[in-house]
Amino acid sequence: MNIQDMMKQAQQMQERLQQQMVEMRMDATAGGGMVTVTVNGNKQLLSIRLDPEVVSKDDVEMLQDLIVAATNDAHRKVDEALAGQMQGMMGGMGLPGLS
């Protein structure tokens, strides 16, 4: 395989990965499911769902902490999913040590 073919293949892989990131949806919860967030592969927050029981004007800090925890967990899940996809794609290029 020559360098031009490798560059073309790498560009195609990058385009596929970018499309997968846009389409990816990752949910994460905190507080035993009291807070659920959904992010895409670009780590953009798409939605927040709150159990009505967690909404209390007397404990706003807990709700804020749960939202942050769920969002951070969703971002971690995206990182793990993308790392797995990258490893699979790179192994497919036939480069030594990556398969």
C-alpha atoms as a PDB file:
ATOM      1  CA  MET A   1       0.000   0.000   0.000  1.00  0.00           C
ATOM      2  CA  ASN A   2       1.458   3.341  -0.971  1.00  0.00           C
ATOM      3  CA  ILE A   3       1.321   6.523   1.076  1.00  0.00           C
ATOM      4  CA  GLN A   4      -1.424   8.102  -1.077  1.00  0.00           C
ATOM      5  CA  ASP A   5      -3.700   5.106  -0.524  1.00  0.00           C
ATOM      6  CA  MET A   6      -3.006   5.237   3.204  1.00  0.00           C
ATOM      7  CA  MET A   7      -3.818   8.958   3.336  1.00  0.00           C
ATOM      8  CA  LYS A   8      -7.046   8.426   1.396  1.00  0.00           C
ATOM      9  CA  GLN A   9      -8.034   5.580   3.700  1.00  0.00           C
ATOM     10  CA  ALA A  10      -7.240   7.705   6.779  1.00  0.00           C
ATOM     11  CA  GLN A  11      -9.383  10.554   5.442  1.00  0.00           C
ATOM     12  CA  GLN A  12     -12.286   8.177   4.821  1.00  0.00           C
ATOM     13  CA  MET A  13     -11.948   6.810   8.351  1.00  0.00           C
ATOM     14  CA  GLN A  14     -11.963  10.340   9.769  1.00  0.00           C
ATOM     15  CA  GLU A  15     -15.131  11.184   7.851  1.00  0.00           C
ATOM     16  CA  ARG A  16     -16.841   7.986   9.077  1.00  0.00           C
ATOM     17  CA  LEU A  17     -15.808   8.727  12.655  1.00  0.00           C
ATOM     18  CA  GLN A  18     -17.114  12.293  12.471  1.00  0.00           C
ATOM     19  CA  GLN A  19     -20.470  11.025  11.183  1.00  0.00           C
ATOM     20  CA  GLN A  20     -20.623   8.410  13.953  1.00  0.00           C
ATOM     21  CA  MET A  21     -19.924  11.095  16.546  1.00  0.00           C
ATOM     22  CA  VAL A  22     -22.875  13.156  15.328  1.00  0.00           C
ATOM     23  CA  GLU A  23     -25.180  10.127  15.334  1.00  0.00           C
ATOM     24  CA  MET A  24     -23.994   8.662  18.652  1.00  0.00           C
ATOM     25  CA  ARG A  25     -26.273   9.050  21.663  1.00  0.00           C
ATOM     26  CA  MET A  26     -24.994   8.229  25.132  1.00  0.00           C
ATOM     27  CA  ASP A  27     -27.194   8.223  28.247  1.00  0.00           C
ATOM     28  CA  ALA A  28     -25.897   8.376  31.792  1.00  0.00           C
ATOM     29  CA  THR A  29     -27.654   8.607  35.125  1.00  0.00           C
ATOM     30  CA  ALA A  30     -26.909   9.784  38.632  1.00  0.00           C
ATOM     31  CA  GLY A  31     -28.719   9.512  41.934  1.00  0.00           C
ATOM     32  CA  GLY A  32     -30.075   6.065  41.192  1.00  0.00           C
ATOM     33  CA  GLY A  33     -31.730   7.253  38.004  1.00  0.00           C
ATOM     34  CA  MET A  34     -33.083  10.491  39.439  1.00  0.00           C
ATOM     35  CA  VAL A  35     -31.125  12.458  36.805  1.00  0.00           C
ATOM     36  CA  THR A  36     -30.548  11.231  33.254  1.00  0.00           C
ATOM     37  CA  VAL A  37     -28.611  13.107  30.615  1.00  0.00           C
ATOM     38  CA  THR A  38     -28.089  12.384  26.938  1.00  0.00           C
ATOM     39  CA  VAL A  39     -25.066  13.605  24.987  1.00  0.00           C
ATOM     40  CA  ASN A  40     -23.910  13.003  21.443  1.00  0.00           C
ATOM     41  CA  GLY A  41     -20.466  11.878  20.328  1.00  0.00           C
ATOM     42  CA  ASN A  42     -19.319  15.494  20.223  1.00  0.00           C
ATOM     43  CA  LYS A  43     -20.185  15.712  23.932  1.00  0.00           C
ATOM     44  CA  GLN A  44     -22.993  18.165  23.293  1.00  0.00           C
ATOM     45  CA  LEU A  45     -25.689  17.931  25.944  1.00  0.00           C
ATOM     46  CA  LEU A  46     -28.912  16.958  24.168  1.00  0.00           C
ATOM     47  CA  SER A  47     -31.329  16.432  27.041  1.00  0.00           C
ATOM     48  CA  ILE A  48     -31.720  16.303  30.803  1.00  0.00           C
ATOM     49  CA  ARG A  49     -34.498  14.290  32.437  1.00  0.00           C
ATOM     50  CA  LEU A  50     -35.259  14.824  36.099  1.00  0.00           C
ATOM     51  CA  ASP A  51     -37.368  12.646  38.362  1.00  0.00           C
ATOM     52  CA  PRO A  52     -39.827  15.079  39.986  1.00  0.00           C
ATOM     53  CA  GLU A  53     -38.790  13.786  43.408  1.00  0.00           C
ATOM     54  CA  VAL A  54     -35.259  15.186  42.978  1.00  0.00           C
ATOM     55  CA  VAL A  55     -36.535  18.722  42.395  1.00  0.00           C
ATOM     56  CA  SER A  56     -36.552  20.514  45.739  1.00  0.00           C
ATOM     57  CA  LYS A  57     -35.978  24.179  46.371  1.00  0.00           C
ATOM     58  CA  ASP A  58     -34.454  23.143  49.702  1.00  0.00           C
ATOM     59  CA  ASP A  59     -31.672  21.090  48.097  1.00  0.00           C
ATOM     60  CA  VAL A  60     -30.656  22.741  44.840  1.00  0.00           C
ATOM     61  CA  GLU A  61     -26.986  21.889  45.393  1.00  0.00           C
ATOM     62  CA  MET A  62     -27.726  18.145  45.361  1.00  0.00           C
ATOM     63  CA  LEU A  63     -29.578  18.487  42.063  1.00  0.00           C
ATOM     64  CA  GLN A  64     -26.702  20.472  40.568  1.00  0.00           C
ATOM     65  CA  ASP A  65     -24.210  17.834  41.727  1.00  0.00           C
ATOM     66  CA  LEU A  66     -26.313  15.037  40.202  1.00  0.00           C
ATOM     67  CA  ILE A  67     -26.516  16.835  36.855  1.00  0.00           C
ATOM     68  CA  VAL A  68     -22.748  17.363  36.819  1.00  0.00           C
ATOM     69  CA  ALA A  69     -22.109  13.719  37.783  1.00  0.00           C
ATOM     70  CA  ALA A  70     -24.424  12.366  35.095  1.00  0.00           C
ATOM     71  CA  THR A  71     -22.922  14.664  32.447  1.00  0.00           C
ATOM     72  CA  ASN A  72     -19.367  13.698  33.363  1.00  0.00           C
ATOM     73  CA  ASP A  73     -20.326  10.016  33.234  1.00  0.00           C
ATOM     74  CA  ALA A  74     -21.876  10.476  29.788  1.00  0.00           C
ATOM     75  CA  HIS A  75     -18.703  12.191  28.550  1.00  0.00           C
ATOM     76  CA  ARG A  76     -16.607   9.299  29.909  1.00  0.00           C
ATOM     77  CA  LYS A  77     -18.836   6.806  28.085  1.00  0.00           C
ATOM     78  CA  VAL A  78     -18.411   8.748  24.825  1.00  0.00           C
ATOM     79  CA  ASP A  79     -14.626   8.718  25.263  1.00  0.00           C
ATOM     80  CA  GLU A  80     -14.648   4.955  25.815  1.00  0.00           C
ATOM     81  CA  ALA A  81     -16.906   4.303  22.821  1.00  0.00           C
ATOM     82  CA  LEU A  82     -14.822   6.475  20.517  1.00  0.00           C
ATOM     83  CA  ALA A  83     -11.577   4.906  21.709  1.00  0.00           C
ATOM     84  CA  GLY A  84     -12.987   1.484  20.887  1.00  0.00           C
ATOM     85  CA  GLN A  85     -14.112   2.621  17.455  1.00  0.00           C
ATOM     86  CA  MET A  86     -10.729   4.196  16.722  1.00  0.00           C
ATOM     87  CA  GLN A  87      -8.914   1.048  17.764  1.00  0.00           C
ATOM     88  CA  GLY A  88     -11.135  -1.003  15.458  1.00  0.00           C
ATOM     89  CA  MET A  89     -10.631   1.366  12.546  1.00  0.00           C
ATOM     90  CA  MET A  90      -6.865   1.610  13.000  1.00  0.00           C
ATOM     91  CA  GLY A  91      -6.569  -2.160  13.189  1.00  0.00           C
ATOM     92  CA  GLY A  92      -8.397  -2.337   9.860  1.00  0.00           C
ATOM     93  CA  MET A  93      -5.664  -0.314   8.175  1.00  0.00           C
ATOM     94  CA  GLY A  94      -3.269  -3.242   8.524  1.00  0.00           C
ATOM     95  CA  LEU A  95      -0.609  -1.222  10.317  1.00  0.00           C
ATOM     96  CA  PRO A  96       1.804  -3.289  12.383  1.00  0.00           C
ATOM     97  CA  GLY A  97       1.030  -3.401  16.090  1.00  0.00           C
ATOM     98  CA  LEU A  98      -2.489  -1.967  15.775  1.00  0.00           C
ATOM     99  CA  SER A  99      -4.524  -5.052  14.924  1.00  0.00           C
END
